[in-house]
C-alpha atoms as a PDB file:
ATOM      1  CA  MET A   1     -36.084  -8.063 -91.429  1.00  0.00           C
ATOM      2  CA  GLU A   2     -38.684  -9.281 -88.919  1.00  0.00           C
ATOM      3  CA  ASN A   3     -40.747  -6.124 -89.507  1.00  0.00           C
ATOM      4  CA  GLY A   4     -40.744  -6.801 -93.247  1.00  0.00           C
ATOM      5  CA  LYS A   5     -41.874 -10.393 -92.653  1.00  0.00           C
ATOM      6  CA  GLN A   6     -44.667  -9.235 -90.363  1.00  0.00           C
ATOM      7  CA  LEU A   7     -45.904  -6.751 -92.975  1.00  0.00           C
ATOM      8  CA  VAL A   8     -46.145  -9.582 -95.509  1.00  0.00           C
ATOM      9  CA  ARG A   9     -47.969 -11.796 -92.983  1.00  0.00           C
ATOM     10  CA  ASN A  10     -50.465  -8.999 -92.262  1.00  0.00           C
ATOM     11  CA  GLU A  11     -51.112  -8.361 -95.966  1.00  0.00           C
ATOM     12  CA  ILE A  12     -51.601 -12.062 -96.773  1.00  0.00           C
ATOM     13  CA  ASN A  13     -53.892 -12.533 -93.759  1.00  0.00           C
ATOM     14  CA  ARG A  14     -56.019  -9.631 -95.033  1.00  0.00           C
ATOM     15  CA  LEU A  15     -56.270 -11.259 -98.478  1.00  0.00           C
ATOM     16  CA  LYS A  16     -57.138 -14.642 -96.943  1.00  0.00           C
ATOM     17  CA  GLN A  17     -60.126 -13.131 -95.159  1.00  0.00           C
ATOM     18  CA  SER A  18     -61.623 -12.152 -98.515  1.00  0.00           C
ATOM     19  CA  LEU A  19     -61.243 -15.645-100.051  1.00  0.00           C
ATOM     20  CA  PRO A  20     -64.718 -17.276-100.090  1.00  0.00           C
ATOM     21  CA  ASP A  21     -64.941 -20.826 -98.772  1.00  0.00           C
ATOM     22  CA  GLY A  22     -66.108 -22.224-102.102  1.00  0.00           C
ATOM     23  CA  ALA A  23     -63.232 -20.551-103.951  1.00  0.00           C
ATOM     24  CA  ALA A  24     -60.692 -21.933-101.459  1.00  0.00           C
ATOM     25  CA  ALA A  25     -62.037 -25.459-102.003  1.00  0.00           C
ATOM     26  CA  TYR A  26     -62.024 -25.125-105.805  1.00  0.00           C
ATOM     27  CA  LEU A  27     -58.532 -23.619-105.977  1.00  0.00           C
ATOM     28  CA  SER A  28     -57.175 -26.211-103.524  1.00  0.00           C
ATOM     29  CA  GLN A  29     -58.450 -28.975-105.786  1.00  0.00           C
ATOM     30  CA  LYS A  30     -56.646 -27.417-108.778  1.00  0.00           C
ATOM     31  CA  ILE A  31     -53.398 -26.972-106.823  1.00  0.00           C
ATOM     32  CA  CYS A  32     -53.432 -30.546-105.509  1.00  0.00           C
ATOM     33  CA  GLY A  33     -54.157 -31.731-109.060  1.00  0.00           C
ATOM     34  CA  ARG A  34     -50.999 -29.982-110.247  1.00  0.00           C
ATOM     35  CA  LEU A  35     -49.007 -31.444-107.343  1.00  0.00           C
ATOM     36  CA  ILE A  36     -49.869 -35.065-108.135  1.00  0.00           C
ATOM     37  CA  GLN A  37     -48.742 -34.576-111.742  1.00  0.00           C
ATOM     38  CA  THR A  38     -45.207 -33.623-110.702  1.00  0.00           C
ATOM     39  CA  GLU A  39     -42.489 -36.199-111.166  1.00  0.00           C
ATOM     40  CA  ALA A  40     -41.439 -35.727-107.525  1.00  0.00           C
ATOM     41  CA  PHE A  41     -44.900 -36.749-106.253  1.00  0.00           C
ATOM     42  CA  GLN A  42     -45.291 -39.648-108.664  1.00  0.00           C
ATOM     43  CA  LYS A  43     -41.879 -41.128-107.844  1.00  0.00           C
ATOM     44  CA  ALA A  44     -41.985 -40.715-104.053  1.00  0.00           C
ATOM     45  CA  ARG A  45     -43.129 -43.706-102.027  1.00  0.00           C
ATOM     46  CA  CYS A  46     -43.106 -41.814 -98.722  1.00  0.00           C
ATOM     47  CA  ILE A  47     -44.421 -38.227 -98.681  1.00  0.00           C
ATOM     48  CA  ALA A  48     -44.657 -35.696 -95.860  1.00  0.00           C
ATOM     49  CA  LEU A  49     -47.853 -33.672 -96.249  1.00  0.00           C
ATOM     50  CA  TYR A  50     -49.758 -31.346 -93.903  1.00  0.00           C
ATOM     51  CA  HIS A  51     -53.310 -30.918 -92.648  1.00  0.00           C
ATOM     52  CA  ALA A  52     -54.490 -27.467 -93.710  1.00  0.00           C
ATOM     53  CA  ILE A  53     -55.842 -24.867 -91.333  1.00  0.00           C
ATOM     54  CA  LYS A  54     -57.988 -21.911 -92.408  1.00  0.00           C
ATOM     55  CA  GLY A  55     -56.337 -19.919 -95.182  1.00  0.00           C
ATOM     56  CA  GLU A  56     -54.045 -22.734 -96.373  1.00  0.00           C
ATOM     57  CA  VAL A  57     -54.375 -24.896 -99.480  1.00  0.00           C
ATOM     58  CA  ARG A  58     -56.673 -27.703 -98.393  1.00  0.00           C
ATOM     59  CA  THR A  59     -55.163 -31.170 -98.410  1.00  0.00           C
ATOM     60  CA  LEU A  60     -57.678 -33.471 -96.689  1.00  0.00           C
ATOM     61  CA  ALA A  61     -59.046 -34.919 -99.960  1.00  0.00           C
ATOM     62  CA  LEU A  62     -55.450 -35.488-101.107  1.00  0.00           C
ATOM     63  CA  LEU A  63     -54.567 -37.222 -97.824  1.00  0.00           C
ATOM     64  CA  GLU A  64     -57.634 -39.453 -97.984  1.00  0.00           C
ATOM     65  CA  GLU A  65     -57.022 -40.358-101.624  1.00  0.00           C
ATOM     66  CA  TRP A  66     -53.351 -41.240-101.274  1.00  0.00           C
ATOM     67  CA  TYR A  67     -52.671 -42.705 -97.837  1.00  0.00           C
ATOM     68  CA  GLY A  68     -53.689 -46.155 -99.039  1.00  0.00           C
ATOM     69  CA  LYS A  69     -51.385 -45.908-102.072  1.00  0.00           C
ATOM     70  CA  LYS A  70     -48.262 -44.283-100.608  1.00  0.00           C
ATOM     71  CA  LYS A  71     -46.839 -43.870 -97.118  1.00  0.00           C
ATOM     72  CA  ILE A  72     -48.092 -40.455 -95.977  1.00  0.00           C
ATOM     73  CA  ALA A  73     -46.639 -38.654 -92.955  1.00  0.00           C
ATOM     74  CA  LEU A  74     -48.031 -35.616 -91.138  1.00  0.00           C
ATOM     75  CA  PRO A  75     -46.228 -33.276 -88.734  1.00  0.00           C
ATOM     76  CA  ALA A  76     -46.850 -33.452 -84.994  1.00  0.00           C
ATOM     77  CA  ILE A  77     -45.440 -30.985 -82.467  1.00  0.00           C
ATOM     78  CA  SER A  78     -44.019 -32.319 -79.212  1.00  0.00           C
ATOM     79  CA  GLY A  79     -41.890 -30.434 -76.708  1.00  0.00           C
ATOM     80  CA  GLY A  80     -41.080 -27.628 -79.124  1.00  0.00           C
ATOM     81  CA  ASN A  81     -39.975 -30.007 -81.884  1.00  0.00           C
ATOM     82  CA  MET A  82     -41.752 -31.152 -85.024  1.00  0.00           C
ATOM     83  CA  ASN A  83     -41.590 -34.757 -86.211  1.00  0.00           C
ATOM     84  CA  PHE A  84     -43.522 -36.640 -88.869  1.00  0.00           C
ATOM     85  CA  HIS A  85     -45.849 -39.535 -88.066  1.00  0.00           C
ATOM     86  CA  LEU A  86     -47.762 -42.001 -90.201  1.00  0.00           C
ATOM     87  CA  TYR A  87     -51.167 -40.802 -91.409  1.00  0.00           C
ATOM     88  CA  ALA A  88     -53.795 -43.525 -91.011  1.00  0.00           C
ATOM     89  CA  GLY A  89     -57.025 -41.711 -91.896  1.00  0.00           C
ATOM     90  CA  LYS A  90     -58.824 -38.622 -90.629  1.00  0.00           C
ATOM     91  CA  GLU A  91     -60.475 -40.546 -87.788  1.00  0.00           C
ATOM     92  CA  ASN A  92     -57.018 -41.010 -86.229  1.00  0.00           C
ATOM     93  CA  LEU A  93     -56.245 -37.275 -86.002  1.00  0.00           C
ATOM     94  CA  VAL A  94     -56.317 -35.221 -82.799  1.00  0.00           C
ATOM     95  CA  ALA A  95     -55.922 -31.489 -82.132  1.00  0.00           C
ATOM     96  CA  GLY A  96     -52.206 -30.891 -81.577  1.00  0.00           C
ATOM     97  CA  ALA A  97     -50.229 -28.307 -79.600  1.00  0.00           C
ATOM     98  CA  LEU A  98     -51.061 -25.556 -82.119  1.00  0.00           C
ATOM     99  CA  ASN A  99     -54.664 -26.759 -82.467  1.00  0.00           C
ATOM    100  CA  ILE A 100     -53.807 -28.217 -85.886  1.00  0.00           C
ATOM    101  CA  PRO A 101     -55.091 -31.766 -86.567  1.00  0.00           C
ATOM    102  CA  GLU A 102     -52.179 -34.203 -86.316  1.00  0.00           C
ATOM    103  CA  PRO A 103     -51.627 -37.956 -85.841  1.00  0.00           C
ATOM    104  CA  ASP A 104     -52.294 -39.116 -82.280  1.00  0.00           C
ATOM    105  CA  ILE A 105     -48.849 -39.584 -80.732  1.00  0.00           C
ATOM    106  CA  SER A 106     -49.929 -39.910 -77.109  1.00  0.00           C
ATOM    107  CA  GLY A 107     -52.861 -42.371 -77.267  1.00  0.00           C
ATOM    108  CA  LYS A 108     -52.858 -46.102 -76.502  1.00  0.00           C
ATOM    109  CA  SER A 109     -51.333 -46.917 -79.882  1.00  0.00           C
ATOM    110  CA  PRO A 110     -49.296 -43.843 -80.904  1.00  0.00           C
ATOM    111  CA  ALA A 111     -48.862 -43.138 -84.611  1.00  0.00           C
ATOM    112  CA  GLU A 112     -45.584 -44.504 -85.955  1.00  0.00           C
ATOM    113  CA  MET A 113     -42.836 -41.879 -86.283  1.00  0.00           C
ATOM    114  CA  ILE A 114     -41.330 -41.699 -89.785  1.00  0.00           C
ATOM    115  CA  PRO A 115     -37.571 -40.949 -89.811  1.00  0.00           C
ATOM    116  CA  ALA A 116     -36.670 -37.896 -91.908  1.00  0.00           C
ATOM    117  CA  GLU A 117     -34.370 -39.987 -94.108  1.00  0.00           C
ATOM    118  CA  ASP A 118     -37.310 -42.213 -95.148  1.00  0.00           C
ATOM    119  CA  ILE A 119     -39.306 -39.249 -96.495  1.00  0.00           C
ATOM    120  CA  GLU A 120     -38.727 -38.744-100.224  1.00  0.00           C
ATOM    121  CA  LEU A 121     -40.793 -35.561-100.703  1.00  0.00           C
ATOM    122  CA  PHE A 122     -41.905 -32.787 -98.360  1.00  0.00           C
ATOM    123  CA  VAL A 123     -45.057 -30.812 -99.234  1.00  0.00           C
ATOM    124  CA  VAL A 124     -45.417 -27.745 -97.025  1.00  0.00           C
ATOM    125  CA  PRO A 125     -47.738 -24.788 -96.402  1.00  0.00           C
ATOM    126  CA  GLY A 126     -46.623 -21.197 -95.874  1.00  0.00           C
ATOM    127  CA  ILE A 127     -47.933 -17.700 -95.342  1.00  0.00           C
ATOM    128  CA  ALA A 128     -46.214 -16.547 -98.554  1.00  0.00           C
ATOM    129  CA  PHE A 129     -43.694 -17.696-101.151  1.00  0.00           C
ATOM    130  CA  ASP A 130     -41.754 -15.828-103.824  1.00  0.00           C
ATOM    131  CA  ARG A 131     -40.458 -16.517-107.325  1.00  0.00           C
ATOM    132  CA  GLU A 132     -37.022 -17.324-105.902  1.00  0.00           C
ATOM    133  CA  CYS A 133     -38.750 -20.174-104.022  1.00  0.00           C
ATOM    134  CA  ASN A 134     -38.317 -18.581-100.605  1.00  0.00           C
ATOM    135  CA  ARG A 135     -40.943 -19.450 -97.981  1.00  0.00           C
ATOM    136  CA  LEU A 136     -42.363 -17.291 -95.212  1.00  0.00           C
ATOM    137  CA  GLY A 137     -43.839 -19.346 -92.375  1.00  0.00           C
ATOM    138  CA  ARG A 138     -45.741 -18.406 -89.251  1.00  0.00           C
ATOM    139  CA  GLY A 139     -42.552 -17.432 -87.456  1.00  0.00           C
ATOM    140  CA  LYS A 140     -42.257 -20.466 -85.156  1.00  0.00           C
ATOM    141  CA  GLY A 141     -39.448 -21.982 -87.233  1.00  0.00           C
ATOM    142  CA  TYR A 142     -40.608 -25.618 -87.000  1.00  0.00           C
ATOM    143  CA  TYR A 143     -40.310 -26.310 -90.734  1.00  0.00           C
ATOM    144  CA  ASP A 144     -37.076 -24.325 -91.127  1.00  0.00           C
ATOM    145  CA  ARG A 145     -35.427 -26.348 -88.365  1.00  0.00           C
ATOM    146  CA  PHE A 146     -36.674 -29.691 -89.639  1.00  0.00           C
ATOM    147  CA  LEU A 147     -35.990 -29.067 -93.328  1.00  0.00           C
ATOM    148  CA  SER A 148     -32.515 -27.594 -92.814  1.00  0.00           C
ATOM    149  CA  GLY A 149     -31.152 -31.130 -92.593  1.00  0.00           C
ATOM    150  CA  THR A 150     -32.734 -32.630 -95.715  1.00  0.00           C
ATOM    151  CA  ASP A 151     -31.667 -32.680 -99.349  1.00  0.00           C
ATOM    152  CA  LYS A 152     -34.999 -34.162-100.516  1.00  0.00           C
ATOM    153  CA  PRO A 153     -37.360 -32.147-102.759  1.00  0.00           C
ATOM    154  CA  ILE A 154     -39.597 -29.652-100.934  1.00  0.00           C
ATOM    155  CA  ILE A 155     -42.747 -28.342-102.630  1.00  0.00           C
ATOM    156  CA  GLY A 156     -44.664 -25.364-101.254  1.00  0.00           C
ATOM    157  CA  LEU A 157     -48.409 -25.109-101.934  1.00  0.00           C
ATOM    158  CA  CYS A 158     -50.146 -21.736-101.952  1.00  0.00           C
ATOM    159  CA  PHE A 159     -52.936 -19.719-103.538  1.00  0.00           C
ATOM    160  CA  GLY A 160     -51.913 -17.321-106.313  1.00  0.00           C
ATOM    161  CA  PHE A 161     -52.169 -14.261-104.059  1.00  0.00           C
ATOM    162  CA  GLN A 162     -49.590 -15.816-101.703  1.00  0.00           C
ATOM    163  CA  LEU A 163     -46.927 -15.969-104.442  1.00  0.00           C
ATOM    164  CA  MET A 164     -45.044 -12.664-104.413  1.00  0.00           C
ATOM    165  CA  GLU A 165     -42.146 -11.287-106.446  1.00  0.00           C
ATOM    166  CA  ARG A 166     -39.840 -11.113-103.417  1.00  0.00           C
ATOM    167  CA  ILE A 167     -40.297 -11.749 -99.714  1.00  0.00           C
ATOM    168  CA  PRO A 168     -37.762 -10.999 -96.958  1.00  0.00           C
ATOM    169  CA  ALA A 169     -35.449 -14.021 -96.648  1.00  0.00           C
ATOM    170  CA  GLU A 170     -32.437 -14.823 -94.481  1.00  0.00           C
ATOM    171  CA  ALA A 171     -29.494 -17.075 -95.244  1.00  0.00           C
ATOM    172  CA  HIS A 172     -30.784 -19.854 -92.962  1.00  0.00           C
ATOM    173  CA  ASP A 173     -34.289 -19.888 -94.501  1.00  0.00           C
ATOM    174  CA  ARG A 174     -34.792 -23.098 -96.484  1.00  0.00           C
ATOM    175  CA  LYS A 175     -35.674 -22.558-100.152  1.00  0.00           C
ATOM    176  CA  MET A 176     -38.329 -24.704-101.788  1.00  0.00           C
ATOM    177  CA  THR A 177     -37.532 -26.923-104.754  1.00  0.00           C
ATOM    178  CA  MET A 178     -40.828 -25.837-106.301  1.00  0.00           C
ATOM    179  CA  VAL A 179     -43.869 -23.704-105.491  1.00  0.00           C
ATOM    180  CA  ILE A 180     -47.292 -24.601-106.921  1.00  0.00           C
ATOM    181  CA  THR A 181     -50.326 -22.307-107.173  1.00  0.00           C
ATOM    182  CA  GLU A 182     -53.601 -22.834-109.047  1.00  0.00           C
ATOM    183  CA  ASP A 183     -52.088 -21.515-112.300  1.00  0.00           C
ATOM    184  CA  ALA A 184     -48.301 -21.423-111.935  1.00  0.00           C
ATOM    185  CA  THR A 185     -45.461 -23.773-111.075  1.00  0.00           C
ATOM    186  CA  VAL A 186     -42.252 -22.022-110.065  1.00  0.00           C
ATOM    187  CA  SER A 187     -39.037 -23.942-109.535  1.00  0.00           C
ATOM    188  CA  SER A 188     -35.741 -22.698-108.233  1.00  0.00           C
ATOM    189  CA  HIS A 189     -34.173 -23.534-111.612  1.00  0.00           C
ATOM    190  CA  ARG A 190     -36.798 -22.321-114.063  1.00  0.00           C
ATOM    191  CA  GLN A 191     -40.350 -21.071-114.269  1.00  0.00           C
ATOM    192  CA  SER A 192     -43.036 -22.880-116.176  1.00  0.00           C
ATOM    193  CA  HIS A 193     -45.567 -21.342-118.477  1.00  0.00           C
ATOM    194  CA  PRO A 194     -48.639 -20.697-116.296  1.00  0.00           C
ATOM    195  CA  ASN A 195     -50.699 -23.319-118.115  1.00  0.00           C
ATOM    196  CA  ARG A 196     -48.061 -25.997-118.373  1.00  0.00           C
ATOM    197  CA  HIS A 197     -47.121 -28.537-115.742  1.00  0.00           C
ATOM    198  CA  VAL A 198     -43.491 -29.246-114.911  1.00  0.00           C
ATOM    199  CA  HIS A 199     -42.656 -32.932-115.265  1.00  0.00           C
END
């Protein structure tokens, strides 16, 4: 199983290398545009998002646009665990344990921790997703552990080449409620027409 997952990671990483910077920015804008039209995003008052690293759907413009309108939380890693903390603008981010920008949780005024039960929607990255709404992460298990205890909607964001027919999945892997690419929205209940949004 782990070999199969690693093969997928290697293939996706190869495809990411060939994605030009301008294309990544343009596609990210389209994907985030589809996300904000979902009912789950519109209804949620408190949303867990992520700060993208190279090869992920970019979210900084989304974060900057929405943190004044909704409560936005970002993950921060501490002592092997992941928790979500209030996002208060890009100037308040620091490089975290995995070198991913995250809210400053160790400064003079640490970012407020948001309890999992207060978060109404989780929006997550992944190496790959499939049409059954399975997610393949980086292998550290932070999201799987955190999300295993929630019944809130979880939306995965990815570029079209990261959405596969099937990826290796185990019983404990947390399925997404929905996966959004630049031209498709896949939910665990039904698939949308590529050019239609799911409301």
